N, C-alpha and C. Protein backbone atom coordinates (compact mmCIF):
# COMPACT_ATOMS: atom_id res chain seq x y z
N MET A 1 8.75 4.00 21.57
CA MET A 1 9.01 4.47 20.22
C MET A 1 9.84 3.44 19.48
N SER A 2 9.77 3.50 18.21
CA SER A 2 10.54 2.61 17.36
C SER A 2 12.02 2.99 17.39
N ASP A 3 12.90 1.97 17.37
CA ASP A 3 14.33 2.24 17.35
C ASP A 3 14.75 2.96 16.08
N SER A 4 14.05 2.70 14.97
CA SER A 4 14.44 3.29 13.70
C SER A 4 13.92 4.72 13.53
N GLY A 5 12.98 5.12 14.35
CA GLY A 5 12.40 6.45 14.21
C GLY A 5 11.30 6.51 13.18
N ILE A 6 10.95 5.36 12.59
CA ILE A 6 9.85 5.29 11.62
C ILE A 6 8.77 4.39 12.22
N ILE A 7 7.59 4.96 12.43
CA ILE A 7 6.49 4.23 13.07
C ILE A 7 5.36 4.10 12.07
N SER A 8 4.90 2.88 11.84
CA SER A 8 3.79 2.63 10.92
C SER A 8 2.47 2.99 11.57
N ILE A 9 1.63 3.68 10.81
CA ILE A 9 0.30 4.03 11.29
C ILE A 9 -0.74 3.67 10.23
N LYS A 10 -1.99 3.62 10.68
CA LYS A 10 -3.12 3.36 9.78
C LYS A 10 -4.09 4.51 9.93
N ILE A 11 -4.58 5.00 8.78
CA ILE A 11 -5.56 6.08 8.76
C ILE A 11 -6.85 5.48 8.21
N ASP A 12 -7.84 5.28 9.07
CA ASP A 12 -9.11 4.69 8.66
C ASP A 12 -10.07 5.81 8.26
N LEU A 13 -10.53 5.75 7.02
CA LEU A 13 -11.57 6.65 6.53
C LEU A 13 -12.87 5.86 6.61
N PHE A 14 -13.71 6.18 7.58
CA PHE A 14 -14.90 5.39 7.87
C PHE A 14 -15.77 5.21 6.64
N GLY A 15 -16.05 3.95 6.31
CA GLY A 15 -16.90 3.63 5.17
C GLY A 15 -16.19 3.59 3.84
N ILE A 16 -14.90 3.92 3.81
CA ILE A 16 -14.15 3.94 2.55
C ILE A 16 -13.02 2.92 2.55
N GLY A 17 -12.15 2.98 3.53
CA GLY A 17 -11.01 2.07 3.61
C GLY A 17 -9.90 2.65 4.45
N SER A 18 -8.73 2.01 4.39
CA SER A 18 -7.59 2.41 5.19
C SER A 18 -6.43 2.87 4.33
N VAL A 19 -5.77 3.90 4.80
CA VAL A 19 -4.57 4.43 4.17
C VAL A 19 -3.41 4.07 5.09
N SER A 20 -2.33 3.55 4.51
CA SER A 20 -1.13 3.21 5.29
C SER A 20 -0.15 4.37 5.22
N ALA A 21 0.55 4.59 6.32
CA ALA A 21 1.51 5.70 6.37
C ALA A 21 2.58 5.41 7.41
N ASN A 22 3.60 6.24 7.40
CA ASN A 22 4.68 6.18 8.40
C ASN A 22 4.85 7.55 9.04
N ILE A 23 5.04 7.56 10.35
CA ILE A 23 5.48 8.76 11.04
C ILE A 23 7.00 8.67 11.08
N ILE A 24 7.66 9.73 10.62
CA ILE A 24 9.11 9.77 10.56
C ILE A 24 9.58 10.81 11.58
N ARG A 25 10.01 10.33 12.74
CA ARG A 25 10.27 11.21 13.88
C ARG A 25 11.36 12.24 13.65
N HIS A 26 12.38 11.93 12.87
CA HIS A 26 13.52 12.86 12.77
C HIS A 26 13.17 14.16 12.05
N HIS A 27 12.05 14.21 11.33
CA HIS A 27 11.64 15.46 10.68
C HIS A 27 11.20 16.51 11.71
N ALA A 28 10.40 16.09 12.68
CA ALA A 28 9.88 17.00 13.72
C ALA A 28 9.55 16.15 14.96
N PRO A 29 10.56 15.81 15.75
CA PRO A 29 10.35 14.86 16.85
C PRO A 29 9.30 15.28 17.88
N LEU A 30 9.24 16.56 18.25
CA LEU A 30 8.27 16.99 19.25
C LEU A 30 6.84 16.87 18.74
N SER A 31 6.60 17.32 17.52
CA SER A 31 5.26 17.21 16.92
C SER A 31 4.89 15.75 16.70
N ALA A 32 5.83 14.96 16.17
CA ALA A 32 5.56 13.54 15.91
C ALA A 32 5.23 12.80 17.20
N ASP A 33 6.02 13.03 18.24
CA ASP A 33 5.77 12.35 19.51
C ASP A 33 4.43 12.76 20.11
N ALA A 34 4.08 14.04 20.01
CA ALA A 34 2.80 14.51 20.55
C ALA A 34 1.64 13.82 19.84
N ILE A 35 1.75 13.66 18.54
CA ILE A 35 0.69 12.98 17.77
C ILE A 35 0.66 11.50 18.11
N LEU A 36 1.81 10.86 18.17
CA LEU A 36 1.86 9.44 18.52
C LEU A 36 1.29 9.18 19.92
N ASN A 37 1.55 10.08 20.85
CA ASN A 37 1.05 9.92 22.22
C ASN A 37 -0.47 10.07 22.30
N LYS A 38 -1.09 10.77 21.36
CA LYS A 38 -2.55 10.93 21.33
C LYS A 38 -3.25 9.72 20.69
N MET A 39 -2.52 8.92 19.92
CA MET A 39 -3.13 7.81 19.18
C MET A 39 -3.60 6.73 20.13
N PRO A 40 -4.71 6.07 19.80
CA PRO A 40 -5.58 6.30 18.64
C PRO A 40 -6.52 7.47 18.91
N PHE A 41 -6.86 8.20 17.85
CA PHE A 41 -7.83 9.28 17.97
C PHE A 41 -8.66 9.36 16.70
N VAL A 42 -9.86 9.92 16.86
CA VAL A 42 -10.80 10.08 15.74
C VAL A 42 -11.18 11.56 15.67
N LEU A 43 -11.04 12.11 14.48
CA LEU A 43 -11.45 13.49 14.22
C LEU A 43 -12.24 13.53 12.91
N LYS A 44 -13.02 14.54 12.73
CA LYS A 44 -13.72 14.72 11.46
C LYS A 44 -12.79 15.44 10.50
N GLY A 45 -12.62 14.87 9.31
CA GLY A 45 -11.74 15.46 8.32
C GLY A 45 -12.51 16.26 7.29
N ARG A 46 -11.77 17.11 6.59
CA ARG A 46 -12.36 17.89 5.50
C ARG A 46 -11.27 18.23 4.51
N PHE A 47 -11.69 18.60 3.31
CA PHE A 47 -10.75 19.04 2.29
C PHE A 47 -10.40 20.50 2.49
N SER A 48 -9.28 20.91 1.88
CA SER A 48 -8.91 22.32 1.88
C SER A 48 -10.06 23.10 1.24
N PHE A 49 -10.16 24.35 1.52
CA PHE A 49 -11.29 25.17 1.10
C PHE A 49 -11.53 25.10 -0.41
N GLY A 50 -12.60 24.41 -0.81
CA GLY A 50 -13.03 24.38 -2.21
C GLY A 50 -12.22 23.51 -3.14
N THR A 51 -11.13 22.91 -2.68
CA THR A 51 -10.30 22.08 -3.55
C THR A 51 -9.98 20.76 -2.86
N LYS A 52 -9.38 19.86 -3.60
CA LYS A 52 -8.94 18.60 -3.01
C LYS A 52 -7.41 18.54 -3.04
N VAL A 53 -6.78 19.58 -2.49
CA VAL A 53 -5.32 19.64 -2.42
C VAL A 53 -4.84 18.87 -1.19
N TYR A 54 -5.59 18.97 -0.09
CA TYR A 54 -5.20 18.24 1.12
C TYR A 54 -6.41 17.92 1.98
N TRP A 55 -6.26 16.86 2.80
CA TRP A 55 -7.25 16.41 3.77
C TRP A 55 -6.76 16.90 5.13
N THR A 56 -7.60 17.59 5.86
CA THR A 56 -7.17 18.19 7.11
C THR A 56 -8.00 17.69 8.29
N LEU A 57 -7.34 17.54 9.42
CA LEU A 57 -7.96 17.14 10.67
C LEU A 57 -7.69 18.25 11.68
N LEU A 58 -8.73 18.97 12.03
CA LEU A 58 -8.60 20.13 12.94
C LEU A 58 -8.78 19.73 14.39
N GLY A 59 -8.21 20.52 15.28
CA GLY A 59 -8.47 20.38 16.71
C GLY A 59 -7.63 19.35 17.41
N LEU A 60 -6.37 19.21 17.06
CA LEU A 60 -5.50 18.24 17.73
C LEU A 60 -5.12 18.68 19.15
N GLU A 61 -5.10 19.98 19.39
CA GLU A 61 -4.73 20.55 20.68
C GLU A 61 -3.31 20.17 21.09
N LEU A 62 -2.38 20.25 20.13
CA LEU A 62 -0.98 19.94 20.42
C LEU A 62 -0.19 21.17 20.84
N ASN A 63 -0.42 22.27 20.12
CA ASN A 63 0.26 23.53 20.40
C ASN A 63 1.78 23.40 20.40
N LYS A 64 2.31 22.67 19.43
CA LYS A 64 3.74 22.56 19.21
C LYS A 64 4.13 23.58 18.14
N GLY A 65 5.26 24.23 18.32
CA GLY A 65 5.67 25.27 17.39
C GLY A 65 6.52 24.75 16.25
N HIS A 66 7.04 25.69 15.48
CA HIS A 66 7.93 25.36 14.37
C HIS A 66 9.21 24.75 14.92
N ASN A 67 9.93 24.06 14.03
CA ASN A 67 11.26 23.59 14.38
C ASN A 67 12.23 24.03 13.29
N SER A 68 13.48 23.69 13.45
CA SER A 68 14.50 24.15 12.49
C SER A 68 14.31 23.54 11.10
N LYS A 69 13.54 22.46 11.00
CA LYS A 69 13.31 21.81 9.71
C LYS A 69 11.94 22.16 9.12
N SER A 70 11.25 23.13 9.66
CA SER A 70 9.93 23.52 9.13
C SER A 70 10.06 23.97 7.68
N ILE A 71 9.02 23.64 6.88
CA ILE A 71 9.05 23.89 5.44
C ILE A 71 7.75 24.52 4.97
N LYS A 72 7.78 25.09 3.77
CA LYS A 72 6.57 25.63 3.13
C LYS A 72 6.16 24.80 1.92
N ILE A 73 7.15 24.25 1.19
CA ILE A 73 6.88 23.44 -0.01
C ILE A 73 6.68 21.99 0.43
N VAL A 74 5.50 21.44 0.14
CA VAL A 74 5.18 20.07 0.54
C VAL A 74 4.76 19.26 -0.68
N GLU A 75 4.91 17.94 -0.57
CA GLU A 75 4.67 17.04 -1.69
C GLU A 75 3.50 16.11 -1.43
N LYS A 76 2.95 15.59 -2.51
CA LYS A 76 1.87 14.61 -2.44
C LYS A 76 2.28 13.47 -1.51
N GLY A 77 1.39 13.12 -0.59
CA GLY A 77 1.64 12.02 0.34
C GLY A 77 2.26 12.45 1.65
N ASP A 78 2.74 13.68 1.75
CA ASP A 78 3.32 14.16 3.01
C ASP A 78 2.23 14.28 4.07
N ILE A 79 2.60 13.98 5.30
CA ILE A 79 1.74 14.23 6.45
C ILE A 79 2.42 15.32 7.24
N ILE A 80 1.72 16.41 7.46
CA ILE A 80 2.32 17.57 8.11
C ILE A 80 1.45 18.03 9.28
N TYR A 81 2.10 18.73 10.21
CA TYR A 81 1.40 19.39 11.30
C TYR A 81 1.59 20.88 11.12
N ASN A 82 0.47 21.62 11.09
CA ASN A 82 0.53 23.07 10.95
C ASN A 82 0.34 23.67 12.35
N PRO A 83 1.43 24.17 12.95
CA PRO A 83 1.30 24.72 14.32
C PRO A 83 0.48 26.00 14.39
N LYS A 84 0.39 26.73 13.30
CA LYS A 84 -0.37 27.99 13.32
C LYS A 84 -1.87 27.72 13.48
N THR A 85 -2.36 26.64 12.85
CA THR A 85 -3.79 26.34 12.90
C THR A 85 -4.11 25.09 13.72
N ASP A 86 -3.08 24.45 14.29
CA ASP A 86 -3.24 23.22 15.09
C ASP A 86 -4.01 22.15 14.33
N GLU A 87 -3.53 21.83 13.13
CA GLU A 87 -4.18 20.80 12.33
C GLU A 87 -3.17 19.84 11.73
N LEU A 88 -3.62 18.60 11.55
CA LEU A 88 -2.84 17.57 10.87
C LEU A 88 -3.34 17.54 9.44
N ILE A 89 -2.41 17.53 8.47
CA ILE A 89 -2.77 17.63 7.06
C ILE A 89 -2.12 16.50 6.29
N ILE A 90 -2.90 15.88 5.39
CA ILE A 90 -2.39 14.86 4.47
C ILE A 90 -2.50 15.44 3.07
N LEU A 91 -1.37 15.59 2.40
CA LEU A 91 -1.32 16.23 1.09
C LEU A 91 -1.73 15.26 -0.01
N ILE A 92 -2.65 15.71 -0.88
CA ILE A 92 -3.11 14.92 -2.02
C ILE A 92 -2.42 15.42 -3.29
N GLU A 93 -1.90 16.63 -3.25
CA GLU A 93 -1.15 17.21 -4.38
C GLU A 93 0.03 18.00 -3.83
N ASP A 94 1.06 18.17 -4.66
CA ASP A 94 2.17 19.05 -4.30
C ASP A 94 1.61 20.47 -4.16
N THR A 95 2.08 21.20 -3.16
CA THR A 95 1.61 22.57 -2.97
C THR A 95 2.59 23.36 -2.12
N GLU A 96 2.35 24.66 -2.01
CA GLU A 96 3.10 25.52 -1.11
C GLU A 96 2.12 26.01 -0.04
N MET A 97 2.48 25.80 1.20
CA MET A 97 1.63 26.22 2.32
C MET A 97 1.83 27.71 2.58
N PRO A 98 0.83 28.39 3.13
CA PRO A 98 0.95 29.82 3.40
C PRO A 98 1.92 30.15 4.54
N ASN A 99 2.19 29.19 5.40
CA ASN A 99 3.15 29.37 6.49
C ASN A 99 3.98 28.10 6.64
N LYS A 100 5.05 28.17 7.42
CA LYS A 100 5.91 27.00 7.61
C LYS A 100 5.18 25.94 8.44
N VAL A 101 5.40 24.67 8.05
CA VAL A 101 4.75 23.54 8.70
C VAL A 101 5.81 22.49 9.06
N ASN A 102 5.44 21.59 9.96
CA ASN A 102 6.33 20.52 10.39
C ASN A 102 5.95 19.23 9.67
N LYS A 103 6.85 18.73 8.83
CA LYS A 103 6.60 17.45 8.17
C LYS A 103 6.84 16.35 9.20
N ILE A 104 5.85 15.45 9.34
CA ILE A 104 6.00 14.38 10.33
C ILE A 104 5.90 12.99 9.74
N GLY A 105 5.50 12.86 8.46
CA GLY A 105 5.37 11.53 7.92
C GLY A 105 5.06 11.50 6.45
N LYS A 106 4.74 10.29 5.98
CA LYS A 106 4.49 10.08 4.55
C LYS A 106 3.50 8.93 4.38
N VAL A 107 2.53 9.12 3.48
CA VAL A 107 1.59 8.07 3.12
C VAL A 107 2.33 7.05 2.26
N THR A 108 2.11 5.76 2.53
CA THR A 108 2.80 4.71 1.78
C THR A 108 1.86 3.94 0.84
N GLU A 109 0.58 3.86 1.18
CA GLU A 109 -0.38 3.10 0.35
C GLU A 109 -1.77 3.71 0.42
N ASN A 110 -2.50 3.60 -0.69
CA ASN A 110 -3.93 3.92 -0.79
C ASN A 110 -4.27 5.40 -0.62
N ILE A 111 -3.41 6.30 -1.02
CA ILE A 111 -3.72 7.73 -0.90
C ILE A 111 -4.96 8.10 -1.71
N GLU A 112 -5.26 7.33 -2.76
CA GLU A 112 -6.42 7.62 -3.61
C GLU A 112 -7.74 7.50 -2.85
N PHE A 113 -7.77 6.77 -1.72
CA PHE A 113 -8.99 6.68 -0.91
C PHE A 113 -9.42 8.06 -0.40
N LEU A 114 -8.47 8.96 -0.19
CA LEU A 114 -8.81 10.30 0.29
C LEU A 114 -9.68 11.05 -0.70
N LEU A 115 -9.50 10.79 -1.99
CA LEU A 115 -10.30 11.47 -3.01
C LEU A 115 -11.77 11.06 -2.97
N GLN A 116 -12.07 9.91 -2.35
CA GLN A 116 -13.45 9.43 -2.23
C GLN A 116 -14.15 9.98 -0.99
N ALA A 117 -13.39 10.61 -0.12
CA ALA A 117 -13.94 11.11 1.15
C ALA A 117 -14.82 12.34 0.93
N ARG A 118 -15.67 12.60 1.90
CA ARG A 118 -16.50 13.80 1.88
C ARG A 118 -16.23 14.58 3.17
N ASN A 119 -16.45 15.87 3.12
CA ASN A 119 -16.21 16.70 4.29
C ASN A 119 -17.03 16.20 5.48
N GLY A 120 -16.40 16.18 6.65
CA GLY A 120 -17.07 15.72 7.86
C GLY A 120 -16.92 14.24 8.13
N LEU A 121 -16.15 13.53 7.29
CA LEU A 121 -15.98 12.08 7.44
C LEU A 121 -15.10 11.78 8.65
N GLY A 122 -15.54 10.84 9.48
CA GLY A 122 -14.74 10.40 10.61
C GLY A 122 -13.45 9.76 10.12
N THR A 123 -12.33 10.17 10.71
CA THR A 123 -11.01 9.70 10.32
C THR A 123 -10.28 9.28 11.60
N LYS A 124 -9.86 8.01 11.63
CA LYS A 124 -9.18 7.48 12.82
C LYS A 124 -7.71 7.23 12.50
N LEU A 125 -6.83 7.72 13.34
CA LEU A 125 -5.40 7.45 13.22
C LEU A 125 -4.98 6.56 14.37
N SER A 126 -4.26 5.49 14.03
CA SER A 126 -3.79 4.56 15.05
C SER A 126 -2.48 3.92 14.61
N ARG A 127 -1.73 3.45 15.59
CA ARG A 127 -0.48 2.75 15.30
C ARG A 127 -0.78 1.37 14.76
N VAL A 128 0.11 0.88 13.92
CA VAL A 128 0.02 -0.50 13.44
C VAL A 128 0.86 -1.34 14.39
N LYS A 129 0.29 -2.37 14.92
CA LYS A 129 0.99 -3.22 15.88
C LYS A 129 1.86 -4.23 15.18
């Protein structure tokens, strides 16, 4: 792990481009570490039901619960883990989630590439070396 607790990652949207982001461990260390330990991984992404509020990656199989810093109000660019549905979510707009989620990171560059994606697009998350 990084000494600073901030780990750079790359989110590849196949056929579109790469989004740069950071995992910030101090927000939710157990969820962040579980995701980092799975990297690199590829999942099919999709938008929230009928809208482009967030890009979601289902089926992480982490089964990590809430922590003391879990939140409902999230901001554009946040990367969150929803323990209720076991999904990783990248926020495209500010919103309020229906249940508490674990914030684990933040997009730093190219978030607009997510708006070009289509449901079912392969999405790869990996550490930046």
